[in-house]
C-alpha atoms as a PDB file:
ATOM      1  CA  MET A   1      -7.522   3.908 -18.084  1.00  0.00           C
ATOM      2  CA  GLU A   2      -6.800   6.730 -15.724  1.00  0.00           C
ATOM      3  CA  PHE A   3      -3.770   6.523 -13.437  1.00  0.00           C
ATOM      4  CA  LEU A   4      -4.078   8.206 -10.068  1.00  0.00           C
ATOM      5  CA  ALA A   5      -1.091   9.217  -7.945  1.00  0.00           C
ATOM      6  CA  ILE A   6      -1.230   9.848  -4.243  1.00  0.00           C
ATOM      7  CA  GLU A   7       1.665  11.114  -2.131  1.00  0.00           C
ATOM      8  CA  ARG A   8       1.617  10.182   1.553  1.00  0.00           C
ATOM      9  CA  VAL A   9       4.058  11.541   4.123  1.00  0.00           C
ATOM     10  CA  VAL A  10       2.347  10.477   7.354  1.00  0.00           C
ATOM     11  CA  LEU A  11       3.225   7.544   9.587  1.00  0.00           C
ATOM     12  CA  SER A  12       0.744   4.832  10.513  1.00  0.00           C
ATOM     13  CA  GLY A  13       0.584   1.285  11.906  1.00  0.00           C
ATOM     14  CA  LEU A  14       0.513  -1.779   9.630  1.00  0.00           C
ATOM     15  CA  LEU A  15      -2.668  -3.543   8.518  1.00  0.00           C
ATOM     16  CA  GLY A  16      -3.329  -7.104   9.643  1.00  0.00           C
ATOM     17  CA  PRO A  17      -5.639  -9.709   8.074  1.00  0.00           C
ATOM     18  CA  ALA A  18      -8.706  -8.487   9.991  1.00  0.00           C
ATOM     19  CA  GLU A  19      -8.133  -4.870   8.953  1.00  0.00           C
ATOM     20  CA  ILE A  20      -7.559  -5.907   5.323  1.00  0.00           C
ATOM     21  CA  ARG A  21     -10.803  -7.936   5.263  1.00  0.00           C
ATOM     22  CA  ALA A  22     -12.778  -5.126   6.903  1.00  0.00           C
ATOM     23  CA  LEU A  23     -11.356  -2.438   4.618  1.00  0.00           C
ATOM     24  CA  ALA A  24     -11.927  -4.557   1.488  1.00  0.00           C
ATOM     25  CA  ALA A  25     -15.501  -5.293   2.579  1.00  0.00           C
ATOM     26  CA  THR A  26     -16.179  -1.628   3.310  1.00  0.00           C
ATOM     27  CA  LEU A  27     -14.876  -0.651  -0.132  1.00  0.00           C
ATOM     28  CA  GLY A  28     -16.568  -3.600  -1.837  1.00  0.00           C
ATOM     29  CA  VAL A  29     -13.325  -4.791  -3.436  1.00  0.00           C
ATOM     30  CA  ARG A  30     -11.706  -8.170  -3.961  1.00  0.00           C
ATOM     31  CA  PRO A  31      -8.282  -8.806  -5.473  1.00  0.00           C
ATOM     32  CA  THR A  32      -8.610  -9.408  -9.219  1.00  0.00           C
ATOM     33  CA  LYS A  33      -6.315 -11.511 -11.373  1.00  0.00           C
ATOM     34  CA  ALA A  34      -6.881  -9.139 -14.294  1.00  0.00           C
ATOM     35  CA  LEU A  35      -5.054  -6.384 -12.379  1.00  0.00           C
ATOM     36  CA  GLY A  36      -2.589  -8.787 -10.728  1.00  0.00           C
ATOM     37  CA  GLN A  37      -3.776  -7.736  -7.277  1.00  0.00           C
ATOM     38  CA  ASN A  38      -2.643  -9.317  -4.013  1.00  0.00           C
ATOM     39  CA  PHE A  39      -3.339  -7.674  -0.676  1.00  0.00           C
ATOM     40  CA  LEU A  40      -0.370  -8.051   1.684  1.00  0.00           C
ATOM     41  CA  HIS A  41      -1.423  -8.663   5.279  1.00  0.00           C
ATOM     42  CA  ASP A  42       1.554 -10.154   7.119  1.00  0.00           C
ATOM     43  CA  ALA A  43       3.473  -7.476   9.042  1.00  0.00           C
ATOM     44  CA  ASN A  44       6.673  -9.557   9.123  1.00  0.00           C
ATOM     45  CA  THR A  45       6.605 -10.000   5.338  1.00  0.00           C
ATOM     46  CA  ILE A  46       6.022  -6.280   4.825  1.00  0.00           C
ATOM     47  CA  ARG A  47       8.893  -5.341   7.140  1.00  0.00           C
ATOM     48  CA  ARG A  48      11.140  -7.904   5.427  1.00  0.00           C
ATOM     49  CA  ILE A  49      10.353  -6.445   1.976  1.00  0.00           C
ATOM     50  CA  VAL A  50      11.177  -2.946   3.221  1.00  0.00           C
ATOM     51  CA  ARG A  51      14.381  -4.136   4.902  1.00  0.00           C
ATOM     52  CA  VAL A  52      15.619  -6.133   1.881  1.00  0.00           C
ATOM     53  CA  ALA A  53      14.826  -3.188  -0.409  1.00  0.00           C
ATOM     54  CA  GLY A  54      17.189  -1.089   1.714  1.00  0.00           C
ATOM     55  CA  VAL A  55      14.752   1.796   2.078  1.00  0.00           C
ATOM     56  CA  SER A  56      16.257   4.654   4.099  1.00  0.00           C
ATOM     57  CA  PRO A  57      14.506   7.408   6.081  1.00  0.00           C
ATOM     58  CA  GLY A  58      13.769  10.391   3.851  1.00  0.00           C
ATOM     59  CA  GLU A  59      14.167   8.381   0.666  1.00  0.00           C
ATOM     60  CA  VAL A  60      11.445   8.804  -1.968  1.00  0.00           C
ATOM     61  CA  VAL A  61       9.899   5.504  -3.075  1.00  0.00           C
ATOM     62  CA  VAL A  62       7.497   5.080  -5.987  1.00  0.00           C
ATOM     63  CA  GLU A  63       5.068   2.243  -5.309  1.00  0.00           C
ATOM     64  CA  ILE A  64       3.131   0.881  -8.282  1.00  0.00           C
ATOM     65  CA  GLY A  65      -0.196  -0.703  -7.347  1.00  0.00           C
ATOM     66  CA  PRO A  66      -0.391  -0.072  -3.597  1.00  0.00           C
ATOM     67  CA  GLY A  67      -3.804  -1.744  -3.326  1.00  0.00           C
ATOM     68  CA  LEU A  68      -5.095  -1.211   0.209  1.00  0.00           C
ATOM     69  CA  GLY A  69      -1.805   0.365   1.305  1.00  0.00           C
ATOM     70  CA  SER A  70      -0.204  -2.392   3.387  1.00  0.00           C
ATOM     71  CA  LEU A  71       3.272  -2.057   1.882  1.00  0.00           C
ATOM     72  CA  THR A  72       2.778   1.699   1.702  1.00  0.00           C
ATOM     73  CA  LEU A  73       2.381   1.793   5.481  1.00  0.00           C
ATOM     74  CA  GLY A  74       5.521  -0.313   5.914  1.00  0.00           C
ATOM     75  CA  LEU A  75       7.472   2.060   3.691  1.00  0.00           C
ATOM     76  CA  LEU A  76       6.161   5.045   5.642  1.00  0.00           C
ATOM     77  CA  GLU A  77       7.058   3.302   8.911  1.00  0.00           C
ATOM     78  CA  SER A  78      10.675   3.166   7.664  1.00  0.00           C
ATOM     79  CA  GLY A  79      10.670   6.950   7.253  1.00  0.00           C
ATOM     80  CA  ALA A  80      10.445   6.937   3.471  1.00  0.00           C
ATOM     81  CA  ARG A  81       8.281   9.325   1.475  1.00  0.00           C
ATOM     82  CA  VAL A  82       5.972   7.323  -0.768  1.00  0.00           C
ATOM     83  CA  VAL A  83       4.444   8.217  -4.118  1.00  0.00           C
ATOM     84  CA  ALA A  84       1.827   5.524  -4.753  1.00  0.00           C
ATOM     85  CA  VAL A  85       0.340   5.014  -8.222  1.00  0.00           C
ATOM     86  CA  GLU A  86      -2.898   3.006  -8.321  1.00  0.00           C
ATOM     87  CA  ILE A  87      -4.909   2.171 -11.477  1.00  0.00           C
ATOM     88  CA  ASP A  88      -7.994   0.935  -9.572  1.00  0.00           C
ATOM     89  CA  ALA A  89     -10.095   4.066  -8.968  1.00  0.00           C
ATOM     90  CA  VAL A  90     -11.819   2.641  -5.865  1.00  0.00           C
ATOM     91  CA  LEU A  91      -8.515   1.771  -4.198  1.00  0.00           C
ATOM     92  CA  ALA A  92      -6.903   5.053  -5.283  1.00  0.00           C
ATOM     93  CA  GLY A  93      -9.790   6.952  -3.709  1.00  0.00           C
ATOM     94  CA  ALA A  94      -9.378   5.051  -0.448  1.00  0.00           C
ATOM     95  CA  LEU A  95      -5.650   5.801  -0.349  1.00  0.00           C
ATOM     96  CA  GLY A  96      -6.175   9.492  -0.980  1.00  0.00           C
END
């Protein structure tokens, strides 16, 4: 298996359920149990994860398995720099 790493340093809004469904449909992907995938879609949950993790602006965070990038966007919103490592080539390509 090939691991792909993507570094993002831009800020963006968070993805909601409609955006997640549309993006997944466009890419032709569905979460798979084999890869342990779950696509986060609740903005409050994402912000809570970032807050509880204590992520600070400028901090570098390594995210394993970013999927469609929901948590990635929350981390970027906090001012962190994110290095995302995705094993799924389709999702990695979309994040790039």
